[in-house]
Amino acid sequence: MRIQKEKDFEQLMNEFIEQICRGNQVLFSTNNSNLQFDKKIDLVGFRKEESIYVNIEIKENSTVLFIGNDANELFLLSKEQQYENMNHFKKTLPSFLQYTHYDFDL
């Protein structure tokens, strides 16, 4: 699925939240090659179950975002210059959201 306009994102947000409530992960990226999906077979008890694993590699000038399991967090992993200073990202958030910044050098 490709989000190209802000309106596209707004329309998908309800679907994102519904998927999170069902226990699914929601990830989106500014570059398709940041996310690679692999299917693997896991042994759970005496049953084999197929799981999907996500490999995240953040390319230059791209960003990966994902919504936390309880839909209370939005995680931003970025190598885009506009997010080097988080003030730009913070300005894009609605005023009622609380903002906490954790800086990880990768």
C-alpha atoms as a PDB file:
ATOM      1  CA  MET A   1       0.000   0.000   0.000  1.00  0.00           C
ATOM      2  CA  ARG A   2       1.416   3.375  -0.913  1.00  0.00           C
ATOM      3  CA  ILE A   3       0.650   6.609   0.972  1.00  0.00           C
ATOM      4  CA  GLN A   4       1.276   9.591  -1.274  1.00  0.00           C
ATOM      5  CA  LYS A   5      -0.820  12.361   0.258  1.00  0.00           C
ATOM      6  CA  GLU A   6      -1.778  13.430   3.763  1.00  0.00           C
ATOM      7  CA  LYS A   7      -5.391  12.538   2.937  1.00  0.00           C
ATOM      8  CA  ASP A   8      -4.296   8.946   2.137  1.00  0.00           C
ATOM      9  CA  PHE A   9      -2.752   8.692   5.575  1.00  0.00           C
ATOM     10  CA  GLU A  10      -5.851  10.081   7.293  1.00  0.00           C
ATOM     11  CA  GLN A  11      -8.042   7.508   5.546  1.00  0.00           C
ATOM     12  CA  LEU A  12      -5.762   4.649   6.539  1.00  0.00           C
ATOM     13  CA  MET A  13      -5.362   5.695  10.184  1.00  0.00           C
ATOM     14  CA  ASN A  14      -8.636   4.019  11.239  1.00  0.00           C
ATOM     15  CA  GLU A  15      -7.511   0.814   9.532  1.00  0.00           C
ATOM     16  CA  PHE A  16      -4.115   1.072  11.259  1.00  0.00           C
ATOM     17  CA  ILE A  17      -5.734   1.358  14.688  1.00  0.00           C
ATOM     18  CA  GLU A  18      -8.105  -1.533  13.969  1.00  0.00           C
ATOM     19  CA  GLN A  19      -5.158  -3.724  12.965  1.00  0.00           C
ATOM     20  CA  ILE A  20      -3.254  -2.799  16.138  1.00  0.00           C
ATOM     21  CA  CYS A  21      -6.301  -3.697  18.263  1.00  0.00           C
ATOM     22  CA  ARG A  22      -6.278  -7.114  16.568  1.00  0.00           C
ATOM     23  CA  GLY A  23      -2.663  -7.609  17.669  1.00  0.00           C
ATOM     24  CA  ASN A  24      -1.060  -6.833  14.318  1.00  0.00           C
ATOM     25  CA  GLN A  25       1.907  -4.529  13.768  1.00  0.00           C
ATOM     26  CA  VAL A  26       1.618  -1.409  11.630  1.00  0.00           C
ATOM     27  CA  LEU A  27       4.806  -0.165   9.979  1.00  0.00           C
ATOM     28  CA  PHE A  28       5.235   2.364   7.221  1.00  0.00           C
ATOM     29  CA  SER A  29       8.236   3.841   5.524  1.00  0.00           C
ATOM     30  CA  THR A  30       9.298   6.598   3.144  1.00  0.00           C
ATOM     31  CA  ASN A  31      11.328   4.037   1.177  1.00  0.00           C
ATOM     32  CA  ASN A  32       9.985   0.609   0.155  1.00  0.00           C
ATOM     33  CA  SER A  33      13.392  -1.029   0.498  1.00  0.00           C
ATOM     34  CA  ASN A  34      13.608  -0.217   4.240  1.00  0.00           C
ATOM     35  CA  LEU A  35      11.282  -3.096   5.105  1.00  0.00           C
ATOM     36  CA  GLN A  36      11.859  -6.724   4.149  1.00  0.00           C
ATOM     37  CA  PHE A  37       9.371  -9.414   5.183  1.00  0.00           C
ATOM     38  CA  ASP A  38      10.391 -13.033   5.765  1.00  0.00           C
ATOM     39  CA  LYS A  39       8.162 -16.019   6.531  1.00  0.00           C
ATOM     40  CA  LYS A  40       9.539 -18.576   8.961  1.00  0.00           C
ATOM     41  CA  ILE A  41       8.172 -21.724  10.545  1.00  0.00           C
ATOM     42  CA  ASP A  42       8.271 -21.727  14.362  1.00  0.00           C
ATOM     43  CA  LEU A  43       7.678 -24.684  16.631  1.00  0.00           C
ATOM     44  CA  VAL A  44       5.046 -23.696  19.214  1.00  0.00           C
ATOM     45  CA  GLY A  45       4.493 -26.544  21.626  1.00  0.00           C
ATOM     46  CA  PHE A  46       4.007 -29.511  19.326  1.00  0.00           C
ATOM     47  CA  ARG A  47       2.667 -27.435  16.417  1.00  0.00           C
ATOM     48  CA  LYS A  48       4.381 -25.651  13.595  1.00  0.00           C
ATOM     49  CA  GLU A  49       3.227 -22.092  13.009  1.00  0.00           C
ATOM     50  CA  GLU A  50       4.164 -19.746  10.218  1.00  0.00           C
ATOM     51  CA  SER A  51       5.310 -16.323  11.383  1.00  0.00           C
ATOM     52  CA  ILE A  52       6.225 -13.206   9.473  1.00  0.00           C
ATOM     53  CA  TYR A  53       9.343 -11.359  10.557  1.00  0.00           C
ATOM     54  CA  VAL A  54      10.234  -7.818   9.561  1.00  0.00           C
ATOM     55  CA  ASN A  55      13.824  -6.840   8.859  1.00  0.00           C
ATOM     56  CA  ILE A  56      14.311  -3.091   9.075  1.00  0.00           C
ATOM     57  CA  GLU A  57      17.247  -1.419   7.361  1.00  0.00           C
ATOM     58  CA  ILE A  58      17.012   2.343   7.356  1.00  0.00           C
ATOM     59  CA  LYS A  59      18.517   3.711   4.151  1.00  0.00           C
ATOM     60  CA  GLU A  60      19.976   7.186   3.774  1.00  0.00           C
ATOM     61  CA  ASN A  61      17.345   9.924   3.461  1.00  0.00           C
ATOM     62  CA  SER A  62      14.500   7.679   4.590  1.00  0.00           C
ATOM     63  CA  THR A  63      12.299   7.077   7.612  1.00  0.00           C
ATOM     64  CA  VAL A  64      10.452   4.143   9.166  1.00  0.00           C
ATOM     65  CA  LEU A  65       7.514   4.714  11.501  1.00  0.00           C
ATOM     66  CA  PHE A  66       5.540   2.220  13.500  1.00  0.00           C
ATOM     67  CA  ILE A  67       2.683   2.481  15.936  1.00  0.00           C
ATOM     68  CA  GLY A  68       3.090   0.811  19.344  1.00  0.00           C
ATOM     69  CA  ASN A  69       1.018  -2.236  20.301  1.00  0.00           C
ATOM     70  CA  ASP A  70      -1.454  -0.215  22.345  1.00  0.00           C
ATOM     71  CA  ALA A  71      -1.640   2.622  19.765  1.00  0.00           C
ATOM     72  CA  ASN A  72      -0.251   5.026  22.363  1.00  0.00           C
ATOM     73  CA  GLU A  73       3.174   5.434  20.783  1.00  0.00           C
ATOM     74  CA  LEU A  74       4.538   6.376  17.412  1.00  0.00           C
ATOM     75  CA  PHE A  75       8.132   5.325  16.862  1.00  0.00           C
ATOM     76  CA  LEU A  76      10.235   7.179  14.314  1.00  0.00           C
ATOM     77  CA  LEU A  77      13.517   5.738  13.027  1.00  0.00           C
ATOM     78  CA  SER A  78      15.102   8.109  10.567  1.00  0.00           C
ATOM     79  CA  LYS A  79      18.181   9.045   8.597  1.00  0.00           C
ATOM     80  CA  GLU A  80      16.502  12.093   7.078  1.00  0.00           C
ATOM     81  CA  GLN A  81      18.084  15.444   7.746  1.00  0.00           C
ATOM     82  CA  GLN A  82      14.716  17.058   8.498  1.00  0.00           C
ATOM     83  CA  TYR A  83      14.412  14.784  11.558  1.00  0.00           C
ATOM     84  CA  GLU A  84      17.962  15.387  12.773  1.00  0.00           C
ATOM     85  CA  ASN A  85      16.433  18.036  15.007  1.00  0.00           C
ATOM     86  CA  MET A  86      13.187  16.633  16.410  1.00  0.00           C
ATOM     87  CA  ASN A  87      11.564  20.061  16.590  1.00  0.00           C
ATOM     88  CA  HIS A  88      10.402  19.638  12.974  1.00  0.00           C
ATOM     89  CA  PHE A  89       8.689  16.330  13.753  1.00  0.00           C
ATOM     90  CA  LYS A  90       7.234  17.673  16.995  1.00  0.00           C
ATOM     91  CA  LYS A  91       5.598  20.561  15.090  1.00  0.00           C
ATOM     92  CA  THR A  92       3.757  18.089  12.857  1.00  0.00           C
ATOM     93  CA  LEU A  93       2.085  16.360  15.824  1.00  0.00           C
ATOM     94  CA  PRO A  94      -1.326  17.433  17.153  1.00  0.00           C
ATOM     95  CA  SER A  95      -1.036  19.629  20.250  1.00  0.00           C
ATOM     96  CA  PHE A  96      -2.789  17.109  22.543  1.00  0.00           C
ATOM     97  CA  LEU A  97      -0.024  14.501  22.081  1.00  0.00           C
ATOM     98  CA  GLN A  98       2.712  14.158  24.668  1.00  0.00           C
ATOM     99  CA  TYR A  99       6.188  14.049  23.220  1.00  0.00           C
ATOM    100  CA  THR A 100       9.198  12.146  24.570  1.00  0.00           C
ATOM    101  CA  HIS A 101      12.490  11.974  22.695  1.00  0.00           C
ATOM    102  CA  TYR A 102      14.909   9.052  22.963  1.00  0.00           C
ATOM    103  CA  ASP A 103      18.082   9.362  20.904  1.00  0.00           C
ATOM    104  CA  PHE A 104      19.783   6.171  19.739  1.00  0.00           C
ATOM    105  CA  ASP A 105      22.936   6.322  17.648  1.00  0.00           C
ATOM    106  CA  LEU A 106      22.759   3.495  15.131  1.00  0.00           C
END
